[in-house]
Amino acid sequence: MMWPVLAAAQEGRPVTAADLSGKTICWGRIRVSYLPDGRTLSGRGHYSVWSVPEPGLVKFRIRYTPMVVLPDGRFQTRRWFGKSGGSLTSADIYTDHWGTVCK
């Protein structure tokens, strides 16, 4: 299930595989190409795998990341960086990231 807080924050719609497939998204200084065969290629030359098991949720290898498409066409994702050994506590950090289709 997509995190409702993320969608409500910017009033975006849940991302689908069609939104990402064949596109290169610039996440700040990092470029990620979402290849149609389910692989990603980062600007650093690293390969990974991706899928969208349900709208609004992107799976990268074993990590699930909520993602929305904003009305202006940008992508928004929220990543969790746990500092508490895997449980959600006040020590954990959520960071928002915005991306655009690279030109």
PDB file of N, CA and C in Angstrom:
ATOM      1  N   MET A   1       0.841  -1.179   0.000  1.00  0.00           N
ATOM      2  CA  MET A   1       0.000   0.000   0.000  1.00  0.00           C
ATOM      3  C   MET A   1       0.889   1.247   0.000  1.00  0.00           C
ATOM      4  N   MET A   2       0.524   2.232  -0.801  1.00  0.00           N
ATOM      5  CA  MET A   2       1.280   3.480  -0.864  1.00  0.00           C
ATOM      6  C   MET A   2       1.082   4.274   0.417  1.00  0.00           C
ATOM      7  N   TRP A   3       2.090   5.004   0.820  1.00  0.00           N
ATOM      8  CA  TRP A   3       1.975   5.814   2.016  1.00  0.00           C
ATOM      9  C   TRP A   3       1.102   7.021   1.728  1.00  0.00           C
ATOM     10  N   PRO A   4      -0.071   7.146   2.370  1.00  0.00           N
ATOM     11  CA  PRO A   4      -0.973   8.270   2.093  1.00  0.00           C
ATOM     12  C   PRO A   4      -0.338   9.627   2.369  1.00  0.00           C
ATOM     13  N   VAL A   5       0.566   9.698   3.332  1.00  0.00           N
ATOM     14  CA  VAL A   5       1.196  10.977   3.665  1.00  0.00           C
ATOM     15  C   VAL A   5       1.965  11.516   2.473  1.00  0.00           C
ATOM     16  N   LEU A   6       2.635  10.654   1.734  1.00  0.00           N
ATOM     17  CA  LEU A   6       3.408  11.091   0.576  1.00  0.00           C
ATOM     18  C   LEU A   6       2.508  11.676  -0.496  1.00  0.00           C
ATOM     19  N   ALA A   7       1.446  10.977  -0.834  1.00  0.00           N
ATOM     20  CA  ALA A   7       0.548  11.454  -1.879  1.00  0.00           C
ATOM     21  C   ALA A   7      -0.120  12.763  -1.471  1.00  0.00           C
ATOM     22  N   ALA A   8      -0.521  12.849  -0.230  1.00  0.00           N
ATOM     23  CA  ALA A   8      -1.216  14.051   0.234  1.00  0.00           C
ATOM     24  C   ALA A   8      -0.290  15.260   0.277  1.00  0.00           C
ATOM     25  N   ALA A   9       1.006  15.012   0.484  1.00  0.00           N
ATOM     26  CA  ALA A   9       1.945  16.119   0.614  1.00  0.00           C
ATOM     27  C   ALA A   9       1.986  16.989  -0.635  1.00  0.00           C
ATOM     28  N   GLN A  10       1.915  16.402  -1.812  1.00  0.00           N
ATOM     29  CA  GLN A  10       2.017  17.168  -3.038  1.00  0.00           C
ATOM     30  C   GLN A  10       0.824  16.949  -3.970  1.00  0.00           C
ATOM     31  N   GLU A  11      -0.168  16.156  -3.504  1.00  0.00           N
ATOM     32  CA  GLU A  11      -1.355  15.864  -4.308  1.00  0.00           C
ATOM     33  C   GLU A  11      -1.004  15.224  -5.644  1.00  0.00           C
ATOM     34  N   GLY A  12      -0.099  14.278  -5.612  1.00  0.00           N
ATOM     35  CA  GLY A  12       0.269  13.543  -6.810  1.00  0.00           C
ATOM     36  C   GLY A  12      -0.563  12.292  -6.966  1.00  0.00           C
ATOM     37  N   ARG A  13      -0.331  11.590  -8.071  1.00  0.00           N
ATOM     38  CA  ARG A  13      -1.011  10.313  -8.293  1.00  0.00           C
ATOM     39  C   ARG A  13       0.024   9.204  -8.204  1.00  0.00           C
ATOM     40  N   PRO A  14      -0.386   8.005  -7.838  1.00  0.00           N
ATOM     41  CA  PRO A  14       0.566   6.907  -7.712  1.00  0.00           C
ATOM     42  C   PRO A  14       1.275   6.619  -9.033  1.00  0.00           C
ATOM     43  N   VAL A  15       2.577   6.424  -8.984  1.00  0.00           N
ATOM     44  CA  VAL A  15       3.364   6.104 -10.164  1.00  0.00           C
ATOM     45  C   VAL A  15       2.999   4.708 -10.663  1.00  0.00           C
ATOM     46  N   THR A  16       3.102   4.496 -11.966  1.00  0.00           N
ATOM     47  CA  THR A  16       2.896   3.177 -12.571  1.00  0.00           C
ATOM     48  C   THR A  16       4.167   2.796 -13.322  1.00  0.00           C
ATOM     49  N   ALA A  17       4.258   1.540 -13.718  1.00  0.00           N
ATOM     50  CA  ALA A  17       5.414   1.095 -14.491  1.00  0.00           C
ATOM     51  C   ALA A  17       5.525   1.880 -15.803  1.00  0.00           C
ATOM     52  N   ALA A  18       4.402   2.208 -16.408  1.00  0.00           N
ATOM     53  CA  ALA A  18       4.413   2.953 -17.668  1.00  0.00           C
ATOM     54  C   ALA A  18       5.002   4.353 -17.498  1.00  0.00           C
ATOM     55  N   ASP A  19       4.864   4.932 -16.304  1.00  0.00           N
ATOM     56  CA  ASP A  19       5.431   6.256 -16.046  1.00  0.00           C
ATOM     57  C   ASP A  19       6.954   6.233 -16.062  1.00  0.00           C
ATOM     58  N   LEU A  20       7.549   5.101 -15.698  1.00  0.00           N
ATOM     59  CA  LEU A  20       9.001   5.011 -15.565  1.00  0.00           C
ATOM     60  C   LEU A  20       9.683   4.298 -16.731  1.00  0.00           C
ATOM     61  N   SER A  21       9.025   3.307 -17.303  1.00  0.00           N
ATOM     62  CA  SER A  21       9.646   2.436 -18.300  1.00  0.00           C
ATOM     63  C   SER A  21      10.196   3.217 -19.497  1.00  0.00           C
ATOM     64  N   GLY A  22      11.473   3.019 -19.768  1.00  0.00           N
ATOM     65  CA  GLY A  22      12.119   3.661 -20.909  1.00  0.00           C
ATOM     66  C   GLY A  22      12.550   5.092 -20.669  1.00  0.00           C
ATOM     67  N   LYS A  23      12.386   5.583 -19.451  1.00  0.00           N
ATOM     68  CA  LYS A  23      12.740   6.974 -19.149  1.00  0.00           C
ATOM     69  C   LYS A  23      13.992   7.036 -18.284  1.00  0.00           C
ATOM     70  N   THR A  24      14.671   8.165 -18.377  1.00  0.00           N
ATOM     71  CA  THR A  24      15.778   8.469 -17.481  1.00  0.00           C
ATOM     72  C   THR A  24      15.320   9.620 -16.600  1.00  0.00           C
ATOM     73  N   ILE A  25      15.373   9.385 -15.301  1.00  0.00           N
ATOM     74  CA  ILE A  25      14.935  10.390 -14.333  1.00  0.00           C
ATOM     75  C   ILE A  25      16.159  10.976 -13.656  1.00  0.00           C
ATOM     76  N   CYS A  26      16.217  12.294 -13.597  1.00  0.00           N
ATOM     77  CA  CYS A  26      17.290  12.991 -12.887  1.00  0.00           C
ATOM     78  C   CYS A  26      16.806  13.291 -11.477  1.00  0.00           C
ATOM     79  N   TRP A  27      17.437  12.641 -10.509  1.00  0.00           N
ATOM     80  CA  TRP A  27      17.159  12.846  -9.078  1.00  0.00           C
ATOM     81  C   TRP A  27      18.297  13.705  -8.544  1.00  0.00           C
ATOM     82  N   GLY A  28      18.191  15.002  -8.730  1.00  0.00           N
ATOM     83  CA  GLY A  28      19.297  15.865  -8.345  1.00  0.00           C
ATOM     84  C   GLY A  28      20.472  15.604  -9.260  1.00  0.00           C
ATOM     85  N   ARG A  29      21.595  15.196  -8.686  1.00  0.00           N
ATOM     86  CA  ARG A  29      22.803  14.934  -9.482  1.00  0.00           C
ATOM     87  C   ARG A  29      22.880  13.495  -9.975  1.00  0.00           C
ATOM     88  N   ILE A  30      21.918  12.663  -9.617  1.00  0.00           N
ATOM     89  CA  ILE A  30      21.938  11.248 -10.006  1.00  0.00           C
ATOM     90  C   ILE A  30      20.937  10.994 -11.111  1.00  0.00           C
ATOM     91  N   ARG A  31      21.393  10.356 -12.181  1.00  0.00           N
ATOM     92  CA  ARG A  31      20.532   9.969 -13.299  1.00  0.00           C
ATOM     93  C   ARG A  31      20.255   8.479 -13.192  1.00  0.00           C
ATOM     94  N   VAL A  32      18.980   8.103 -13.279  1.00  0.00           N
ATOM     95  CA  VAL A  32      18.612   6.692 -13.243  1.00  0.00           C
ATOM     96  C   VAL A  32      17.756   6.383 -14.462  1.00  0.00           C
ATOM     97  N   SER A  33      18.215   5.433 -15.279  1.00  0.00           N
ATOM     98  CA  SER A  33      17.436   4.980 -16.440  1.00  0.00           C
ATOM     99  C   SER A  33      16.653   3.740 -16.032  1.00  0.00           C
ATOM    100  N   TYR A  34      15.343   3.784 -16.261  1.00  0.00           N
ATOM    101  CA  TYR A  34      14.447   2.669 -15.949  1.00  0.00           C
ATOM    102  C   TYR A  34      14.204   1.926 -17.264  1.00  0.00           C
ATOM    103  N   LEU A  35      15.000   0.898 -17.490  1.00  0.00           N
ATOM    104  CA  LEU A  35      14.942   0.169 -18.757  1.00  0.00           C
ATOM    105  C   LEU A  35      13.675  -0.684 -18.822  1.00  0.00           C
ATOM    106  N   PRO A  36      13.086  -0.838 -20.027  1.00  0.00           N
ATOM    107  CA  PRO A  36      11.841  -1.600 -20.168  1.00  0.00           C
ATOM    108  C   PRO A  36      11.952  -3.066 -19.736  1.00  0.00           C
ATOM    109  N   ASP A  37      13.179  -3.604 -19.691  1.00  0.00           N
ATOM    110  CA  ASP A  37      13.337  -5.012 -19.298  1.00  0.00           C
ATOM    111  C   ASP A  37      13.398  -5.205 -17.779  1.00  0.00           C
ATOM    112  N   GLY A  38      13.148  -4.143 -17.009  1.00  0.00           N
ATOM    113  CA  GLY A  38      13.127  -4.257 -15.550  1.00  0.00           C
ATOM    114  C   GLY A  38      14.461  -4.001 -14.877  1.00  0.00           C
ATOM    115  N   ARG A  39      15.443  -3.526 -15.643  1.00  0.00           N
ATOM    116  CA  ARG A  39      16.724  -3.148 -15.053  1.00  0.00           C
ATOM    117  C   ARG A  39      16.801  -1.634 -14.956  1.00  0.00           C
ATOM    118  N   THR A  40      17.632  -1.168 -14.050  1.00  0.00           N
ATOM    119  CA  THR A  40      17.954   0.257 -13.990  1.00  0.00           C
ATOM    120  C   THR A  40      19.433   0.411 -14.285  1.00  0.00           C
ATOM    121  N   LEU A  41      19.787   1.565 -14.751  1.00  0.00           N
ATOM    122  CA  LEU A  41      21.178   1.915 -14.961  1.00  0.00           C
ATOM    123  C   LEU A  41      21.371   3.301 -14.393  1.00  0.00           C
ATOM    124  N   SER A  42      22.255   3.414 -13.404  1.00  0.00           N
ATOM    125  CA  SER A  42      22.493   4.728 -12.816  1.00  0.00           C
ATOM    126  C   SER A  42      23.610   5.428 -13.567  1.00  0.00           C
ATOM    127  N   GLY A  43      23.729   6.705 -13.360  1.00  0.00           N
ATOM    128  CA  GLY A  43      24.784   7.484 -13.984  1.00  0.00           C
ATOM    129  C   GLY A  43      26.166   7.024 -13.560  1.00  0.00           C
ATOM    130  N   ARG A  44      26.216   6.248 -12.494  1.00  0.00           N
ATOM    131  CA  ARG A  44      27.494   5.730 -12.006  1.00  0.00           C
ATOM    132  C   ARG A  44      27.814   4.368 -12.628  1.00  0.00           C
ATOM    133  N   GLY A  45      26.963   3.889 -13.526  1.00  0.00           N
ATOM    134  CA  GLY A  45      27.202   2.619 -14.187  1.00  0.00           C
ATOM    135  C   GLY A  45      26.731   1.407 -13.415  1.00  0.00           C
ATOM    136  N   HIS A  46      25.941   1.602 -12.360  1.00  0.00           N
ATOM    137  CA  HIS A  46      25.452   0.502 -11.543  1.00  0.00           C
ATOM    138  C   HIS A  46      24.121  -0.007 -12.086  1.00  0.00           C
ATOM    139  N   TYR A  47      23.986  -1.326 -12.140  1.00  0.00           N
ATOM    140  CA  TYR A  47      22.731  -1.945 -12.554  1.00  0.00           C
ATOM    141  C   TYR A  47      21.969  -2.439 -11.333  1.00  0.00           C
ATOM    142  N   SER A  48      20.671  -2.409 -11.418  1.00  0.00           N
ATOM    143  CA  SER A  48      19.788  -2.950 -10.400  1.00  0.00           C
ATOM    144  C   SER A  48      18.545  -3.443 -11.120  1.00  0.00           C
ATOM    145  N   VAL A  49      17.567  -3.889 -10.395  1.00  0.00           N
ATOM    146  CA  VAL A  49      16.293  -4.283 -10.991  1.00  0.00           C
ATOM    147  C   VAL A  49      15.183  -3.456 -10.348  1.00  0.00           C
ATOM    148  N   TRP A  50      14.122  -3.236 -11.111  1.00  0.00           N
ATOM    149  CA  TRP A  50      12.995  -2.469 -10.605  1.00  0.00           C
ATOM    150  C   TRP A  50      11.699  -3.084 -11.099  1.00  0.00           C
ATOM    151  N   SER A  51      10.618  -2.782 -10.372  1.00  0.00           N
ATOM    152  CA  SER A  51       9.265  -3.159 -10.783  1.00  0.00           C
ATOM    153  C   SER A  51       8.290  -2.279 -10.010  1.00  0.00           C
ATOM    154  N   VAL A  52       7.050  -2.283 -10.453  1.00  0.00           N
ATOM    155  CA  VAL A  52       5.989  -1.572  -9.749  1.00  0.00           C
ATOM    156  C   VAL A  52       4.925  -2.621  -9.411  1.00  0.00           C
ATOM    157  N   PRO A  53       5.044  -3.260  -8.237  1.00  0.00           N
ATOM    158  CA  PRO A  53       4.108  -4.317  -7.883  1.00  0.00           C
ATOM    159  C   PRO A  53       2.679  -3.828  -7.674  1.00  0.00           C
ATOM    160  N   GLU A  54       2.536  -2.551  -7.335  1.00  0.00           N
ATOM    161  CA  GLU A  54       1.224  -1.921  -7.245  1.00  0.00           C
ATOM    162  C   GLU A  54       1.408  -0.426  -7.461  1.00  0.00           C
ATOM    163  N   PRO A  55       0.396   0.265  -7.959  1.00  0.00           N
ATOM    164  CA  PRO A  55       0.545   1.701  -8.211  1.00  0.00           C
ATOM    165  C   PRO A  55       1.045   2.432  -6.967  1.00  0.00           C
ATOM    166  N   GLY A  56       2.058   3.250  -7.172  1.00  0.00           N
ATOM    167  CA  GLY A  56       2.595   4.063  -6.090  1.00  0.00           C
ATOM    168  C   GLY A  56       3.723   3.431  -5.313  1.00  0.00           C
ATOM    169  N   LEU A  57       4.084   2.199  -5.653  1.00  0.00           N
ATOM    170  CA  LEU A  57       5.126   1.507  -4.907  1.00  0.00           C
ATOM    171  C   LEU A  57       6.138   0.915  -5.883  1.00  0.00           C
ATOM    172  N   VAL A  58       7.381   1.397  -5.832  1.00  0.00           N
ATOM    173  CA  VAL A  58       8.430   0.923  -6.711  1.00  0.00           C
ATOM    174  C   VAL A  58       9.350   0.010  -5.905  1.00  0.00           C
ATOM    175  N   LYS A  59       9.630  -1.159  -6.463  1.00  0.00           N
ATOM    176  CA  LYS A  59      10.522  -2.112  -5.813  1.00  0.00           C
ATOM    177  C   LYS A  59      11.873  -2.070  -6.508  1.00  0.00           C
ATOM    178  N   PHE A  60      12.921  -1.803  -5.728  1.00  0.00           N
ATOM    179  CA  PHE A  60      14.302  -1.856  -6.206  1.00  0.00           C
ATOM    180  C   PHE A  60      14.974  -3.003  -5.457  1.00  0.00           C
ATOM    181  N   ARG A  61      15.262  -4.075  -6.185  1.00  0.00           N
ATOM    182  CA  ARG A  61      15.777  -5.307  -5.574  1.00  0.00           C
ATOM    183  C   ARG A  61      14.839  -5.738  -4.468  1.00  0.00           C
ATOM    184  N   ILE A  62      15.192  -5.527  -3.193  1.00  0.00           N
ATOM    185  CA  ILE A  62      14.310  -5.944  -2.099  1.00  0.00           C
ATOM    186  C   ILE A  62      13.693  -4.759  -1.355  1.00  0.00           C
ATOM    187  N   ARG A  63      14.024  -3.544  -1.767  1.00  0.00           N
ATOM    188  CA  ARG A  63      13.530  -2.346  -1.084  1.00  0.00           C
ATOM    189  C   ARG A  63      12.312  -1.775  -1.810  1.00  0.00           C
ATOM    190  N   TYR A  64      11.280  -1.456  -1.062  1.00  0.00           N
ATOM    191  CA  TYR A  64      10.067  -0.846  -1.605  1.00  0.00           C
ATOM    192  C   TYR A  64      10.093   0.644  -1.302  1.00  0.00           C
ATOM    193  N   THR A  65       9.811   1.445  -2.314  1.00  0.00           N
ATOM    194  CA  THR A  65       9.856   2.900  -2.176  1.00  0.00           C
ATOM    195  C   THR A  65       8.564   3.505  -2.701  1.00  0.00           C
ATOM    196  N   PRO A  66       7.844   4.291  -1.893  1.00  0.00           N
ATOM    197  CA  PRO A  66       6.645   4.953  -2.395  1.00  0.00           C
ATOM    198  C   PRO A  66       7.027   6.064  -3.376  1.00  0.00           C
ATOM    199  N   MET A  67       6.228   6.224  -4.435  1.00  0.00           N
ATOM    200  CA  MET A  67       6.530   7.254  -5.430  1.00  0.00           C
ATOM    201  C   MET A  67       5.230   7.753  -6.053  1.00  0.00           C
ATOM    202  N   VAL A  68       5.176   9.058  -6.284  1.00  0.00           N
ATOM    203  CA  VAL A  68       4.022   9.661  -6.945  1.00  0.00           C
ATOM    204  C   VAL A  68       4.499  10.507  -8.115  1.00  0.00           C
ATOM    205  N   VAL A  69       3.581  10.741  -9.053  1.00  0.00           N
ATOM    206  CA  VAL A  69       3.805  11.670 -10.153  1.00  0.00           C
ATOM    207  C   VAL A  69       3.014  12.925  -9.811  1.00  0.00           C
ATOM    208  N   LEU A  70       3.693  14.045  -9.741  1.00  0.00           N
ATOM    209  CA  LEU A  70       3.053  15.310  -9.384  1.00  0.00           C
ATOM    210  C   LEU A  70       2.346  15.914 -10.593  1.00  0.00           C
ATOM    211  N   PRO A  71       1.396  16.811 -10.368  1.00  0.00           N
ATOM    212  CA  PRO A  71       0.669  17.428 -11.490  1.00  0.00           C
ATOM    213  C   PRO A  71       1.570  18.095 -12.528  1.00  0.00           C
ATOM    214  N   ASP A  72       2.744  18.578 -12.105  1.00  0.00           N
ATOM    215  CA  ASP A  72       3.649  19.241 -13.061  1.00  0.00           C
ATOM    216  C   ASP A  72       4.571  18.249 -13.776  1.00  0.00           C
ATOM    217  N   GLY A  73       4.380  16.930 -13.542  1.00  0.00           N
ATOM    218  CA  GLY A  73       5.165  15.915 -14.227  1.00  0.00           C
ATOM    219  C   GLY A  73       6.394  15.450 -13.467  1.00  0.00           C
ATOM    220  N   ARG A  74       6.739  16.122 -12.366  1.00  0.00           N
ATOM    221  CA  ARG A  74       7.874  15.674 -11.565  1.00  0.00           C
ATOM    222  C   ARG A  74       7.490  14.413 -10.791  1.00  0.00           C
ATOM    223  N   PHE A  75       8.497  13.699 -10.346  1.00  0.00           N
ATOM    224  CA  PHE A  75       8.312  12.526  -9.503  1.00  0.00           C
ATOM    225  C   PHE A  75       8.720  12.888  -8.085  1.00  0.00           C
ATOM    226  N   GLN A  76       8.029  12.318  -7.107  1.00  0.00           N
ATOM    227  CA  GLN A  76       8.392  12.522  -5.709  1.00  0.00           C
ATOM    228  C   GLN A  76       8.467  11.163  -5.040  1.00  0.00           C
ATOM    229  N   THR A  77       9.519  10.959  -4.260  1.00  0.00           N
ATOM    230  CA  THR A  77       9.669   9.733  -3.500  1.00  0.00           C
ATOM    231  C   THR A  77      10.118  10.087  -2.095  1.00  0.00           C
ATOM    232  N   ARG A  78       9.833   9.196  -1.187  1.00  0.00           N
ATOM    233  CA  ARG A  78      10.254   9.384   0.201  1.00  0.00           C
ATOM    234  C   ARG A  78      11.041   8.149   0.595  1.00  0.00           C
ATOM    235  N   ARG A  79      12.238   8.372   1.058  1.00  0.00           N
ATOM    236  CA  ARG A  79      13.079   7.252   1.476  1.00  0.00           C
ATOM    237  C   ARG A  79      13.245   7.280   2.983  1.00  0.00           C
ATOM    238  N   TRP A  80      13.301   6.108   3.544  1.00  0.00           N
ATOM    239  CA  TRP A  80      13.488   5.952   4.973  1.00  0.00           C
ATOM    240  C   TRP A  80      14.896   5.476   5.240  1.00  0.00           C
ATOM    241  N   PHE A  81      15.596   6.174   6.096  1.00  0.00           N
ATOM    242  CA  PHE A  81      16.932   5.789   6.510  1.00  0.00           C
ATOM    243  C   PHE A  81      16.870   5.488   7.997  1.00  0.00           C
ATOM    244  N   GLY A  82      16.758   4.205   8.326  1.00  0.00           N
ATOM    245  CA  GLY A  82      16.620   3.791   9.723  1.00  0.00           C
ATOM    246  C   GLY A  82      17.931   3.866  10.474  1.00  0.00           C
ATOM    247  N   LYS A  83      17.900   4.529  11.603  1.00  0.00           N
ATOM    248  CA  LYS A  83      19.081   4.608  12.460  1.00  0.00           C
ATOM    249  C   LYS A  83      18.877   3.773  13.710  1.00  0.00           C
ATOM    250  N   SER A  84      17.693   3.160  13.809  1.00  0.00           N
ATOM    251  CA  SER A  84      17.373   2.443  15.042  1.00  0.00           C
ATOM    252  C   SER A  84      17.411   0.938  14.853  1.00  0.00           C
ATOM    253  N   GLY A  85      18.143   0.470  13.864  1.00  0.00           N
ATOM    254  CA  GLY A  85      18.291  -0.962  13.681  1.00  0.00           C
ATOM    255  C   GLY A  85      17.080  -1.645  13.078  1.00  0.00           C
ATOM    256  N   GLY A  86      16.261  -0.927  12.347  1.00  0.00           N
ATOM    257  CA  GLY A  86      15.154  -1.555  11.641  1.00  0.00           C
ATOM    258  C   GLY A  86      13.777  -1.220  12.161  1.00  0.00           C
ATOM    259  N   SER A  87      13.662  -0.704  13.354  1.00  0.00           N
ATOM    260  CA  SER A  87      12.340  -0.338  13.849  1.00  0.00           C
ATOM    261  C   SER A  87      12.137   1.163  13.682  1.00  0.00           C
ATOM    262  N   LEU A  88      10.894   1.547  13.474  1.00  0.00           N
ATOM    263  CA  LEU A  88      10.598   2.969  13.282  1.00  0.00           C
ATOM    264  C   LEU A  88      10.546   3.676  14.629  1.00  0.00           C
ATOM    265  N   THR A  89      11.424   4.621  14.815  1.00  0.00           N
ATOM    266  CA  THR A  89      11.443   5.416  16.044  1.00  0.00           C
ATOM    267  C   THR A  89      11.707   6.859  15.663  1.00  0.00           C
ATOM    268  N   SER A  90      11.749   7.703  16.662  1.00  0.00           N
ATOM    269  CA  SER A  90      12.016   9.118  16.394  1.00  0.00           C
ATOM    270  C   SER A  90      13.433   9.334  15.875  1.00  0.00           C
ATOM    271  N   ALA A  91      14.304   8.327  15.994  1.00  0.00           N
ATOM    272  CA  ALA A  91      15.672   8.459  15.498  1.00  0.00           C
ATOM    273  C   ALA A  91      15.756   8.234  13.988  1.00  0.00           C
ATOM    274  N   ASP A  92      14.682   7.739  13.389  1.00  0.00           N
ATOM    275  CA  ASP A  92      14.686   7.462  11.961  1.00  0.00           C
ATOM    276  C   ASP A  92      14.449   8.742  11.167  1.00  0.00           C
ATOM    277  N   ILE A  93      14.919   8.723   9.922  1.00  0.00           N
ATOM    278  CA  ILE A  93      14.841   9.925   9.087  1.00  0.00           C
ATOM    279  C   ILE A  93      14.138   9.595   7.781  1.00  0.00           C
ATOM    280  N   TYR A  94      13.178  10.411   7.417  1.00  0.00           N
ATOM    281  CA  TYR A  94      12.541  10.323   6.114  1.00  0.00           C
ATOM    282  C   TYR A  94      13.067  11.485   5.284  1.00  0.00           C
ATOM    283  N   THR A  95      13.461  11.205   4.055  1.00  0.00           N
ATOM    284  CA  THR A  95      13.900  12.291   3.196  1.00  0.00           C
ATOM    285  C   THR A  95      13.100  12.241   1.903  1.00  0.00           C
ATOM    286  N   ASP A  96      12.638  13.376   1.468  1.00  0.00           N
ATOM    287  CA  ASP A  96      11.907  13.483   0.219  1.00  0.00           C
ATOM    288  C   ASP A  96      12.884  13.799  -0.906  1.00  0.00           C
ATOM    289  N   HIS A  97      12.606  13.220  -2.084  1.00  0.00           N
ATOM    290  CA  HIS A  97      13.413  13.464  -3.268  1.00  0.00           C
ATOM    291  C   HIS A  97      12.467  13.765  -4.423  1.00  0.00           C
ATOM    292  N   TRP A  98      12.884  14.682  -5.299  1.00  0.00           N
ATOM    293  CA  TRP A  98      12.103  15.032  -6.470  1.00  0.00           C
ATOM    294  C   TRP A  98      12.949  14.785  -7.702  1.00  0.00           C
ATOM    295  N   GLY A  99      12.319  14.270  -8.747  1.00  0.00           N
ATOM    296  CA  GLY A  99      13.032  14.000  -9.982  1.00  0.00           C
ATOM    297  C   GLY A  99      12.235  14.455 -11.187  1.00  0.00           C
ATOM    298  N   THR A 100      12.943  14.663 -12.279  1.00  0.00           N
ATOM    299  CA  THR A 100      12.316  15.035 -13.541  1.00  0.00           C
ATOM    300  C   THR A 100      12.895  14.152 -14.645  1.00  0.00           C
ATOM    301  N   VAL A 101      12.150  14.008 -15.715  1.00  0.00           N
ATOM    302  CA  VAL A 101      12.670  13.275 -16.871  1.00  0.00           C
ATOM    303  C   VAL A 101      13.834  14.079 -17.433  1.00  0.00           C
ATOM    304  N   CYS A 102      14.984  13.436 -17.572  1.00  0.00           N
ATOM    305  CA  CYS A 102      16.188  14.124 -18.058  1.00  0.00           C
ATOM    306  C   CYS A 102      16.039  14.473 -19.528  1.00  0.00           C
ATOM    307  N   LYS A 103      16.579  15.574 -19.915  1.00  0.00           N
ATOM    308  CA  LYS A 103      16.540  16.014 -21.308  1.00  0.00           C
ATOM    309  C   LYS A 103      17.764  15.544 -22.040  1.00  0.00           C
TER     310      LYS A 103
END
